[in-house]
Amino acid sequence: PRRGPPRIALAMLVNYPAPLAPWVALSIENKRRYAARHGYAFELFTESDPGRPVVWSKLVALLLLLGRGEADWAAWIDLDTVIMDAAVPLARFVDARADVVVALDANGINAGVLYVRDCDWSRMLLSAAWALNDSRVPAIDYWREQAALMLLARDPFIRNHLWAEPQL
Protein backbone atom coordinates (compact mmCIF):
# COMPACT_ATOMS: atom_id res chain seq x y z
CA PRO A 1 0.00 0.00 0.00
CA ARG A 2 1.02 3.58 -0.72
CA ARG A 3 2.15 5.67 2.23
CA GLY A 4 1.69 9.38 2.81
CA PRO A 5 -1.28 11.65 2.45
CA PRO A 6 -4.05 10.50 0.13
CA ARG A 7 -3.86 11.61 -3.48
CA ILE A 8 -7.09 13.48 -4.12
CA ALA A 9 -8.66 14.56 -7.40
CA LEU A 10 -11.31 17.28 -7.19
CA ALA A 11 -14.04 17.21 -9.83
CA MET A 12 -16.99 19.30 -10.86
CA LEU A 13 -19.31 19.59 -13.85
CA VAL A 14 -20.17 22.75 -15.74
CA ASN A 15 -22.62 22.19 -18.54
CA TYR A 16 -23.52 25.77 -19.49
CA PRO A 17 -23.04 27.41 -22.88
CA ALA A 18 -20.44 30.14 -23.17
CA PRO A 19 -20.13 32.85 -22.17
CA LEU A 20 -20.31 31.68 -18.59
CA ALA A 21 -22.24 33.68 -16.03
CA PRO A 22 -19.86 35.47 -13.65
CA TRP A 23 -20.87 33.28 -10.71
CA VAL A 24 -20.06 30.13 -12.70
CA ALA A 25 -16.57 31.37 -13.52
CA LEU A 26 -16.06 32.31 -9.85
CA SER A 27 -17.16 28.84 -8.72
CA ILE A 28 -14.73 27.15 -11.11
CA GLU A 29 -11.87 29.39 -10.03
CA ASN A 30 -12.70 28.78 -6.35
CA LYS A 31 -12.24 25.03 -6.79
CA ARG A 32 -9.27 25.31 -9.16
CA ARG A 33 -7.33 27.51 -6.70
CA TYR A 34 -8.25 25.29 -3.77
CA ALA A 35 -7.02 22.19 -5.61
CA ALA A 36 -3.76 23.92 -6.55
CA ARG A 37 -3.20 25.08 -2.97
CA HIS A 38 -3.40 21.51 -1.65
CA GLY A 39 -1.70 19.75 -4.55
CA TYR A 40 -4.90 18.03 -5.74
CA ALA A 41 -5.66 17.24 -9.33
CA PHE A 42 -8.58 19.29 -10.67
CA GLU A 43 -10.95 18.01 -13.33
CA LEU A 44 -13.63 20.16 -14.91
CA PHE A 45 -16.16 18.01 -16.75
CA THR A 46 -18.19 19.82 -19.39
CA GLU A 47 -20.31 17.09 -20.95
CA SER A 48 -23.31 15.27 -19.56
CA ASP A 49 -25.54 12.45 -20.69
CA PRO A 50 -28.17 14.10 -22.91
CA GLY A 51 -30.70 11.42 -21.96
CA ARG A 52 -30.79 12.38 -18.27
CA PRO A 53 -30.88 15.47 -16.11
CA VAL A 54 -27.35 16.83 -15.77
CA VAL A 55 -26.95 15.92 -12.07
CA TRP A 56 -26.81 12.21 -12.92
CA SER A 57 -23.58 12.81 -14.85
CA LYS A 58 -21.57 13.25 -11.66
CA LEU A 59 -21.74 9.47 -11.25
CA VAL A 60 -20.18 8.89 -14.68
CA ALA A 61 -17.61 11.64 -14.11
CA LEU A 62 -16.53 10.03 -10.84
CA LEU A 63 -16.28 6.62 -12.53
CA LEU A 64 -14.08 8.13 -15.26
CA LEU A 65 -11.88 9.85 -12.70
CA LEU A 66 -11.48 6.67 -10.62
CA GLY A 67 -10.77 4.64 -13.75
CA ARG A 68 -7.55 6.57 -14.33
CA GLY A 69 -5.96 5.26 -11.12
CA GLU A 70 -4.24 8.59 -10.47
CA ALA A 71 -5.93 9.38 -7.15
CA ASP A 72 -6.74 7.50 -3.98
CA TRP A 73 -9.93 9.55 -3.58
CA ALA A 74 -12.14 11.44 -6.00
CA ALA A 75 -13.90 14.40 -4.44
CA TRP A 76 -17.01 15.79 -6.09
CA ILE A 77 -18.13 19.36 -5.41
CA ASP A 78 -21.24 20.72 -7.13
CA LEU A 79 -21.07 23.92 -9.11
CA ASP A 80 -23.31 25.75 -6.62
CA THR A 81 -20.96 24.97 -3.73
CA VAL A 82 -18.25 27.38 -2.62
CA ILE A 83 -15.19 26.43 -0.57
CA MET A 84 -15.17 29.00 2.21
CA ASP A 85 -12.07 28.01 4.18
CA ALA A 86 -9.35 27.13 1.70
CA ALA A 87 -6.96 26.23 4.53
CA VAL A 88 -8.94 23.09 5.41
CA PRO A 89 -7.75 20.13 3.30
CA LEU A 90 -10.20 17.59 1.89
CA ALA A 91 -8.04 14.87 3.46
CA ARG A 92 -9.58 15.92 6.78
CA PHE A 93 -12.90 14.47 5.64
CA VAL A 94 -11.83 11.15 4.13
CA ASP A 95 -12.18 8.23 6.49
CA ALA A 96 -9.98 5.13 6.37
CA ARG A 97 -12.96 3.01 7.47
CA ALA A 98 -15.20 4.10 4.60
CA ASP A 99 -15.18 3.85 0.83
CA VAL A 100 -17.60 6.73 0.30
CA VAL A 101 -18.02 9.84 2.44
CA VAL A 102 -21.22 11.81 1.92
CA ALA A 103 -22.65 14.95 3.41
CA LEU A 104 -25.70 14.47 5.60
CA ASP A 105 -28.32 17.17 5.95
CA ALA A 106 -31.89 17.33 7.30
CA ASN A 107 -33.14 15.42 4.24
CA GLY A 108 -30.55 12.65 4.37
CA ILE A 109 -27.67 12.14 1.94
CA ASN A 110 -26.65 15.28 0.11
CA ALA A 111 -24.58 14.36 -2.94
CA GLY A 112 -23.47 17.93 -3.63
CA VAL A 113 -20.17 17.09 -1.96
CA LEU A 114 -18.94 13.52 -1.76
CA TYR A 115 -15.66 11.65 -1.58
CA VAL A 116 -15.18 8.29 -3.25
CA ARG A 117 -12.23 5.97 -2.62
CA ASP A 118 -10.62 4.43 -5.70
CA CYS A 119 -11.65 0.80 -5.17
CA ASP A 120 -13.86 -1.82 -6.78
CA TRP A 121 -16.57 -1.33 -4.15
CA SER A 122 -16.91 2.40 -4.92
CA ARG A 123 -17.10 1.73 -8.64
CA MET A 124 -19.82 -0.84 -7.94
CA LEU A 125 -21.82 1.68 -5.89
CA LEU A 126 -21.55 4.42 -8.53
CA SER A 127 -22.57 1.96 -11.26
CA ALA A 128 -25.52 0.72 -9.20
CA ALA A 129 -26.65 4.30 -8.55
CA TRP A 130 -26.38 5.08 -12.28
CA ALA A 131 -28.55 2.03 -13.04
CA LEU A 132 -31.32 3.56 -10.90
CA ASN A 133 -32.37 6.21 -13.37
CA ASP A 134 -35.20 8.68 -12.77
CA SER A 135 -37.86 6.08 -13.54
CA ARG A 136 -36.55 3.71 -10.85
CA VAL A 137 -36.01 5.94 -7.83
CA PRO A 138 -38.82 6.46 -5.30
CA ALA A 139 -41.11 9.46 -4.91
CA ILE A 140 -38.16 11.66 -3.97
CA ASP A 141 -37.02 11.49 -7.59
CA TYR A 142 -36.48 15.24 -7.82
CA TRP A 143 -33.31 14.48 -5.85
CA ARG A 144 -32.37 12.18 -8.73
CA GLU A 145 -28.84 10.76 -8.11
CA GLN A 146 -29.17 11.64 -4.41
CA ALA A 147 -32.34 9.59 -4.25
CA ALA A 148 -30.53 6.68 -5.89
CA LEU A 149 -27.76 6.86 -3.27
CA MET A 150 -30.34 7.12 -0.47
CA LEU A 151 -32.16 4.06 -1.80
CA LEU A 152 -28.95 2.05 -2.04
CA ALA A 153 -27.82 3.18 1.43
CA ARG A 154 -30.82 1.39 2.95
CA ASP A 155 -28.92 -1.86 2.41
CA PRO A 156 -26.75 -2.65 5.49
CA PHE A 157 -23.91 -3.95 3.29
CA ILE A 158 -23.74 -0.63 1.49
CA ARG A 159 -24.28 1.41 4.64
CA ASN A 160 -21.24 -0.30 6.19
CA HIS A 161 -19.05 1.25 3.48
CA LEU A 162 -20.43 4.78 3.85
CA TRP A 163 -19.52 7.54 6.24
CA ALA A 164 -22.01 10.37 6.58
CA GLU A 165 -20.44 13.68 7.59
CA PRO A 166 -22.99 16.14 9.02
CA GLN A 167 -23.05 19.43 7.13
CA LEU A 168 -21.55 22.31 9.07
C-alpha atoms as a PDB file:
ATOM      1  CA  PRO A   1       0.000   0.000   0.000  1.00  0.00           C
ATOM      2  CA  ARG A   2       1.018   3.575  -0.721  1.00  0.00           C
ATOM      3  CA  ARG A   3       2.150   5.672   2.233  1.00  0.00           C
ATOM      4  CA  GLY A   4       1.692   9.375   2.814  1.00  0.00           C
ATOM      5  CA  PRO A   5      -1.284  11.647   2.452  1.00  0.00           C
ATOM      6  CA  PRO A   6      -4.050  10.496   0.128  1.00  0.00           C
ATOM      7  CA  ARG A   7      -3.862  11.608  -3.484  1.00  0.00           C
ATOM      8  CA  ILE A   8      -7.091  13.483  -4.124  1.00  0.00           C
ATOM      9  CA  ALA A   9      -8.660  14.562  -7.397  1.00  0.00           C
ATOM     10  CA  LEU A  10     -11.307  17.275  -7.188  1.00  0.00           C
ATOM     11  CA  ALA A  11     -14.036  17.207  -9.828  1.00  0.00           C
ATOM     12  CA  MET A  12     -16.993  19.302 -10.858  1.00  0.00           C
ATOM     13  CA  LEU A  13     -19.309  19.588 -13.854  1.00  0.00           C
ATOM     14  CA  VAL A  14     -20.169  22.750 -15.738  1.00  0.00           C
ATOM     15  CA  ASN A  15     -22.617  22.194 -18.544  1.00  0.00           C
ATOM     16  CA  TYR A  16     -23.520  25.765 -19.493  1.00  0.00           C
ATOM     17  CA  PRO A  17     -23.039  27.407 -22.882  1.00  0.00           C
ATOM     18  CA  ALA A  18     -20.435  30.144 -23.169  1.00  0.00           C
ATOM     19  CA  PRO A  19     -20.132  32.849 -22.169  1.00  0.00           C
ATOM     20  CA  LEU A  20     -20.315  31.676 -18.587  1.00  0.00           C
ATOM     21  CA  ALA A  21     -22.241  33.678 -16.033  1.00  0.00           C
ATOM     22  CA  PRO A  22     -19.863  35.471 -13.650  1.00  0.00           C
ATOM     23  CA  TRP A  23     -20.873  33.278 -10.706  1.00  0.00           C
ATOM     24  CA  VAL A  24     -20.061  30.125 -12.703  1.00  0.00           C
ATOM     25  CA  ALA A  25     -16.568  31.368 -13.515  1.00  0.00           C
ATOM     26  CA  LEU A  26     -16.057  32.308  -9.848  1.00  0.00           C
ATOM     27  CA  SER A  27     -17.158  28.841  -8.723  1.00  0.00           C
ATOM     28  CA  ILE A  28     -14.732  27.148 -11.107  1.00  0.00           C
ATOM     29  CA  GLU A  29     -11.868  29.385 -10.031  1.00  0.00           C
ATOM     30  CA  ASN A  30     -12.703  28.783  -6.354  1.00  0.00           C
ATOM     31  CA  LYS A  31     -12.241  25.032  -6.792  1.00  0.00           C
ATOM     32  CA  ARG A  32      -9.274  25.311  -9.157  1.00  0.00           C
ATOM     33  CA  ARG A  33      -7.330  27.512  -6.699  1.00  0.00           C
ATOM     34  CA  TYR A  34      -8.252  25.287  -3.768  1.00  0.00           C
ATOM     35  CA  ALA A  35      -7.020  22.186  -5.606  1.00  0.00           C
ATOM     36  CA  ALA A  36      -3.761  23.918  -6.552  1.00  0.00           C
ATOM     37  CA  ARG A  37      -3.201  25.081  -2.969  1.00  0.00           C
ATOM     38  CA  HIS A  38      -3.403  21.511  -1.652  1.00  0.00           C
ATOM     39  CA  GLY A  39      -1.699  19.745  -4.550  1.00  0.00           C
ATOM     40  CA  TYR A  40      -4.898  18.030  -5.739  1.00  0.00           C
ATOM     41  CA  ALA A  41      -5.664  17.243  -9.333  1.00  0.00           C
ATOM     42  CA  PHE A  42      -8.578  19.295 -10.668  1.00  0.00           C
ATOM     43  CA  GLU A  43     -10.948  18.011 -13.331  1.00  0.00           C
ATOM     44  CA  LEU A  44     -13.634  20.157 -14.911  1.00  0.00           C
ATOM     45  CA  PHE A  45     -16.160  18.015 -16.748  1.00  0.00           C
ATOM     46  CA  THR A  46     -18.194  19.825 -19.388  1.00  0.00           C
ATOM     47  CA  GLU A  47     -20.311  17.089 -20.954  1.00  0.00           C
ATOM     48  CA  SER A  48     -23.306  15.266 -19.561  1.00  0.00           C
ATOM     49  CA  ASP A  49     -25.544  12.450 -20.686  1.00  0.00           C
ATOM     50  CA  PRO A  50     -28.175  14.104 -22.908  1.00  0.00           C
ATOM     51  CA  GLY A  51     -30.703  11.423 -21.959  1.00  0.00           C
ATOM     52  CA  ARG A  52     -30.789  12.380 -18.275  1.00  0.00           C
ATOM     53  CA  PRO A  53     -30.883  15.470 -16.112  1.00  0.00           C
ATOM     54  CA  VAL A  54     -27.351  16.827 -15.770  1.00  0.00           C
ATOM     55  CA  VAL A  55     -26.953  15.918 -12.069  1.00  0.00           C
ATOM     56  CA  TRP A  56     -26.808  12.213 -12.920  1.00  0.00           C
ATOM     57  CA  SER A  57     -23.578  12.808 -14.851  1.00  0.00           C
ATOM     58  CA  LYS A  58     -21.571  13.253 -11.657  1.00  0.00           C
ATOM     59  CA  LEU A  59     -21.741   9.471 -11.248  1.00  0.00           C
ATOM     60  CA  VAL A  60     -20.178   8.891 -14.676  1.00  0.00           C
ATOM     61  CA  ALA A  61     -17.609  11.643 -14.114  1.00  0.00           C
ATOM     62  CA  LEU A  62     -16.528  10.027 -10.841  1.00  0.00           C
ATOM     63  CA  LEU A  63     -16.277   6.619 -12.531  1.00  0.00           C
ATOM     64  CA  LEU A  64     -14.078   8.133 -15.258  1.00  0.00           C
ATOM     65  CA  LEU A  65     -11.884   9.846 -12.702  1.00  0.00           C
ATOM     66  CA  LEU A  66     -11.478   6.673 -10.625  1.00  0.00           C
ATOM     67  CA  GLY A  67     -10.769   4.637 -13.749  1.00  0.00           C
ATOM     68  CA  ARG A  68      -7.550   6.573 -14.329  1.00  0.00           C
ATOM     69  CA  GLY A  69      -5.960   5.255 -11.124  1.00  0.00           C
ATOM     70  CA  GLU A  70      -4.236   8.592 -10.469  1.00  0.00           C
ATOM     71  CA  ALA A  71      -5.927   9.379  -7.155  1.00  0.00           C
ATOM     72  CA  ASP A  72      -6.744   7.501  -3.976  1.00  0.00           C
ATOM     73  CA  TRP A  73      -9.930   9.548  -3.575  1.00  0.00           C
ATOM     74  CA  ALA A  74     -12.144  11.441  -5.999  1.00  0.00           C
ATOM     75  CA  ALA A  75     -13.897  14.404  -4.440  1.00  0.00           C
ATOM     76  CA  TRP A  76     -17.008  15.790  -6.091  1.00  0.00           C
ATOM     77  CA  ILE A  77     -18.126  19.357  -5.412  1.00  0.00           C
ATOM     78  CA  ASP A  78     -21.235  20.720  -7.127  1.00  0.00           C
ATOM     79  CA  LEU A  79     -21.068  23.924  -9.108  1.00  0.00           C
ATOM     80  CA  ASP A  80     -23.306  25.751  -6.616  1.00  0.00           C
ATOM     81  CA  THR A  81     -20.959  24.972  -3.727  1.00  0.00           C
ATOM     82  CA  VAL A  82     -18.247  27.375  -2.617  1.00  0.00           C
ATOM     83  CA  ILE A  83     -15.188  26.431  -0.573  1.00  0.00           C
ATOM     84  CA  MET A  84     -15.172  29.002   2.208  1.00  0.00           C
ATOM     85  CA  ASP A  85     -12.075  28.014   4.185  1.00  0.00           C
ATOM     86  CA  ALA A  86      -9.353  27.126   1.704  1.00  0.00           C
ATOM     87  CA  ALA A  87      -6.962  26.230   4.535  1.00  0.00           C
ATOM     88  CA  VAL A  88      -8.944  23.087   5.413  1.00  0.00           C
ATOM     89  CA  PRO A  89      -7.747  20.127   3.300  1.00  0.00           C
ATOM     90  CA  LEU A  90     -10.195  17.588   1.893  1.00  0.00           C
ATOM     91  CA  ALA A  91      -8.041  14.873   3.457  1.00  0.00           C
ATOM     92  CA  ARG A  92      -9.580  15.916   6.784  1.00  0.00           C
ATOM     93  CA  PHE A  93     -12.896  14.469   5.640  1.00  0.00           C
ATOM     94  CA  VAL A  94     -11.825  11.153   4.134  1.00  0.00           C
ATOM     95  CA  ASP A  95     -12.182   8.231   6.491  1.00  0.00           C
ATOM     96  CA  ALA A  96      -9.979   5.130   6.374  1.00  0.00           C
ATOM     97  CA  ARG A  97     -12.955   3.013   7.473  1.00  0.00           C
ATOM     98  CA  ALA A  98     -15.201   4.101   4.600  1.00  0.00           C
ATOM     99  CA  ASP A  99     -15.179   3.853   0.832  1.00  0.00           C
ATOM    100  CA  VAL A 100     -17.600   6.733   0.301  1.00  0.00           C
ATOM    101  CA  VAL A 101     -18.016   9.837   2.444  1.00  0.00           C
ATOM    102  CA  VAL A 102     -21.221  11.809   1.916  1.00  0.00           C
ATOM    103  CA  ALA A 103     -22.654  14.952   3.415  1.00  0.00           C
ATOM    104  CA  LEU A 104     -25.698  14.468   5.601  1.00  0.00           C
ATOM    105  CA  ASP A 105     -28.322  17.169   5.948  1.00  0.00           C
ATOM    106  CA  ALA A 106     -31.887  17.332   7.300  1.00  0.00           C
ATOM    107  CA  ASN A 107     -33.142  15.417   4.238  1.00  0.00           C
ATOM    108  CA  GLY A 108     -30.547  12.645   4.369  1.00  0.00           C
ATOM    109  CA  ILE A 109     -27.668  12.138   1.942  1.00  0.00           C
ATOM    110  CA  ASN A 110     -26.645  15.276   0.110  1.00  0.00           C
ATOM    111  CA  ALA A 111     -24.577  14.363  -2.943  1.00  0.00           C
ATOM    112  CA  GLY A 112     -23.468  17.935  -3.628  1.00  0.00           C
ATOM    113  CA  VAL A 113     -20.170  17.095  -1.955  1.00  0.00           C
ATOM    114  CA  LEU A 114     -18.940  13.525  -1.757  1.00  0.00           C
ATOM    115  CA  TYR A 115     -15.661  11.653  -1.575  1.00  0.00           C
ATOM    116  CA  VAL A 116     -15.178   8.289  -3.253  1.00  0.00           C
ATOM    117  CA  ARG A 117     -12.233   5.969  -2.624  1.00  0.00           C
ATOM    118  CA  ASP A 118     -10.621   4.429  -5.700  1.00  0.00           C
ATOM    119  CA  CYS A 119     -11.650   0.805  -5.171  1.00  0.00           C
ATOM    120  CA  ASP A 120     -13.857  -1.823  -6.780  1.00  0.00           C
ATOM    121  CA  TRP A 121     -16.572  -1.326  -4.155  1.00  0.00           C
ATOM    122  CA  SER A 122     -16.905   2.396  -4.919  1.00  0.00           C
ATOM    123  CA  ARG A 123     -17.097   1.733  -8.637  1.00  0.00           C
ATOM    124  CA  MET A 124     -19.823  -0.839  -7.943  1.00  0.00           C
ATOM    125  CA  LEU A 125     -21.819   1.685  -5.891  1.00  0.00           C
ATOM    126  CA  LEU A 126     -21.545   4.420  -8.530  1.00  0.00           C
ATOM    127  CA  SER A 127     -22.571   1.961 -11.257  1.00  0.00           C
ATOM    128  CA  ALA A 128     -25.525   0.723  -9.197  1.00  0.00           C
ATOM    129  CA  ALA A 129     -26.653   4.305  -8.546  1.00  0.00           C
ATOM    130  CA  TRP A 130     -26.381   5.080 -12.283  1.00  0.00           C
ATOM    131  CA  ALA A 131     -28.554   2.028 -13.042  1.00  0.00           C
ATOM    132  CA  LEU A 132     -31.315   3.560 -10.898  1.00  0.00           C
ATOM    133  CA  ASN A 133     -32.368   6.214 -13.373  1.00  0.00           C
ATOM    134  CA  ASP A 134     -35.201   8.683 -12.772  1.00  0.00           C
ATOM    135  CA  SER A 135     -37.860   6.080 -13.537  1.00  0.00           C
ATOM    136  CA  ARG A 136     -36.550   3.707 -10.849  1.00  0.00           C
ATOM    137  CA  VAL A 137     -36.010   5.942  -7.832  1.00  0.00           C
ATOM    138  CA  PRO A 138     -38.824   6.460  -5.299  1.00  0.00           C
ATOM    139  CA  ALA A 139     -41.106   9.461  -4.907  1.00  0.00           C
ATOM    140  CA  ILE A 140     -38.161  11.665  -3.971  1.00  0.00           C
ATOM    141  CA  ASP A 141     -37.023  11.487  -7.592  1.00  0.00           C
ATOM    142  CA  TYR A 142     -36.475  15.235  -7.824  1.00  0.00           C
ATOM    143  CA  TRP A 143     -33.307  14.480  -5.853  1.00  0.00           C
ATOM    144  CA  ARG A 144     -32.366  12.184  -8.726  1.00  0.00           C
ATOM    145  CA  GLU A 145     -28.844  10.763  -8.109  1.00  0.00           C
ATOM    146  CA  GLN A 146     -29.168  11.636  -4.410  1.00  0.00           C
ATOM    147  CA  ALA A 147     -32.345   9.586  -4.250  1.00  0.00           C
ATOM    148  CA  ALA A 148     -30.527   6.682  -5.887  1.00  0.00           C
ATOM    149  CA  LEU A 149     -27.757   6.859  -3.274  1.00  0.00           C
ATOM    150  CA  MET A 150     -30.338   7.119  -0.467  1.00  0.00           C
ATOM    151  CA  LEU A 151     -32.156   4.062  -1.798  1.00  0.00           C
ATOM    152  CA  LEU A 152     -28.947   2.045  -2.042  1.00  0.00           C
ATOM    153  CA  ALA A 153     -27.822   3.178   1.425  1.00  0.00           C
ATOM    154  CA  ARG A 154     -30.818   1.388   2.948  1.00  0.00           C
ATOM    155  CA  ASP A 155     -28.919  -1.858   2.406  1.00  0.00           C
ATOM    156  CA  PRO A 156     -26.753  -2.647   5.494  1.00  0.00           C
ATOM    157  CA  PHE A 157     -23.913  -3.950   3.292  1.00  0.00           C
ATOM    158  CA  ILE A 158     -23.735  -0.632   1.486  1.00  0.00           C
ATOM    159  CA  ARG A 159     -24.278   1.413   4.638  1.00  0.00           C
ATOM    160  CA  ASN A 160     -21.241  -0.296   6.193  1.00  0.00           C
ATOM    161  CA  HIS A 161     -19.045   1.249   3.478  1.00  0.00           C
ATOM    162  CA  LEU A 162     -20.432   4.777   3.855  1.00  0.00           C
ATOM    163  CA  TRP A 163     -19.516   7.537   6.237  1.00  0.00           C
ATOM    164  CA  ALA A 164     -22.010  10.373   6.577  1.00  0.00           C
ATOM    165  CA  GLU A 165     -20.438  13.676   7.591  1.00  0.00           C
ATOM    166  CA  PRO A 166     -22.991  16.144   9.020  1.00  0.00           C
ATOM    167  CA  GLN A 167     -23.047  19.428   7.130  1.00  0.00           C
ATOM    168  CA  LEU A 168     -21.554  22.307   9.066  1.00  0.00           C
END
